[in-house]
Protein backbone atom coordinates (compact mmCIF):
# COMPACT_ATOMS: atom_id res chain seq x y z
CA UNK A 1 -12.75 83.03 2.61
CA UNK A 2 -13.08 79.75 5.00
CA UNK A 3 -10.60 76.95 5.45
CA UNK A 4 -13.44 74.90 4.67
CA UNK A 5 -13.75 76.04 1.22
CA UNK A 6 -13.42 73.60 -1.12
CA UNK A 7 -11.30 75.72 -2.88
CA UNK A 8 -8.58 75.82 0.39
CA UNK A 9 -6.62 73.50 -0.75
CA UNK A 10 -6.00 74.91 -4.48
CA UNK A 11 -5.46 78.72 -2.92
CA UNK A 12 -2.47 76.63 -0.54
CA UNK A 13 -0.97 75.12 -2.98
CA UNK A 14 -0.98 78.06 -5.18
CA UNK A 15 0.08 80.18 -2.44
CA UNK A 16 3.25 78.31 -1.79
CA UNK A 17 3.78 78.44 -5.90
CA UNK A 18 3.90 82.14 -5.79
CA UNK A 19 6.15 82.32 -3.13
CA UNK A 20 8.55 79.99 -3.99
CA UNK A 21 8.89 81.85 -7.42
CA UNK A 22 9.31 84.91 -5.56
CA UNK A 23 12.32 83.03 -3.78
CA UNK A 24 13.38 81.53 -7.36
CA UNK A 25 13.48 85.13 -8.74
CA UNK A 26 15.37 86.48 -5.74
CA UNK A 27 12.49 89.39 -5.32
CA UNK A 28 12.73 91.23 -2.32
CA UNK A 29 9.21 91.74 -0.75
CA UNK A 30 8.47 95.50 -1.66
CA UNK A 31 9.50 94.26 -5.55
CA UNK A 32 7.24 90.72 -5.56
CA UNK A 33 4.38 92.97 -4.52
CA UNK A 34 5.21 95.28 -7.22
CA UNK A 35 5.36 92.70 -9.81
CA UNK A 36 2.45 90.49 -8.30
CA UNK A 37 0.22 93.34 -8.27
CA UNK A 38 -0.01 93.26 -4.28
CA UNK A 39 0.07 96.31 -1.65
CA UNK A 40 2.89 95.60 0.77
CA UNK A 41 0.02 94.54 3.35
CA UNK A 42 -1.26 91.90 1.11
CA UNK A 43 2.39 90.72 0.73
CA UNK A 44 2.82 90.23 4.16
CA UNK A 45 -0.38 88.50 4.37
CA UNK A 46 0.25 86.59 1.56
CA UNK A 47 3.61 85.33 3.27
CA UNK A 48 1.93 84.30 6.55
CA UNK A 49 -0.33 82.12 4.80
CA UNK A 50 -3.20 84.13 5.77
CA UNK A 51 -6.53 83.08 3.37
CA UNK A 52 -7.65 86.21 2.03
CA UNK A 53 -7.03 85.79 -1.73
CA UNK A 54 -9.40 84.53 -4.09
CA UNK A 55 -8.36 81.81 -6.06
CA UNK A 56 -9.02 84.32 -9.13
CA UNK A 57 -6.87 86.95 -7.43
CA UNK A 58 -3.96 84.26 -7.26
CA UNK A 59 -3.97 82.57 -10.57
CA UNK A 60 -3.84 86.96 -12.08
CA UNK A 61 -0.82 87.26 -9.53
CA UNK A 62 0.77 84.27 -10.23
CA UNK A 63 0.87 84.78 -14.36
CA UNK A 64 2.33 88.18 -13.56
CA UNK A 65 5.49 85.95 -11.99
CA UNK A 66 5.95 83.85 -14.91
CA UNK A 67 3.55 80.66 -13.87
CA UNK A 68 1.46 78.95 -15.42
CA UNK A 69 -1.54 77.63 -14.33
CA UNK A 70 -3.71 74.53 -15.33
CA UNK A 71 -6.49 73.23 -14.09
CA UNK A 72 -8.57 70.09 -14.44
CA UNK A 73 -12.00 68.98 -13.03
CA UNK A 74 -13.14 65.34 -12.41
CA UNK A 75 -16.45 63.74 -11.84
CA UNK A 76 -16.63 62.13 -8.33
CA UNK A 77 -15.15 58.43 -8.74
CA UNK A 78 -18.10 55.68 -10.03
CA UNK A 79 -20.16 58.74 -11.48
CA UNK A 80 -20.57 58.95 -15.33
């Protein structure tokens, strides 16, 4: 995944929300990884902010710890 991808800001925002939720739930990394469906290595990379996860994967992980994701799409300004 490249940082220039249009979905990069969305993935970063969701990654931060997931990490915040882990803190709220007071989960240890091993427990968080299990609940998110991640390996220990993937959990470490999530914590480090590595952009290795697809948006789909992050949405699925978020759902496993009670985060509901909503999305909206708009037309470019001035069109339509």
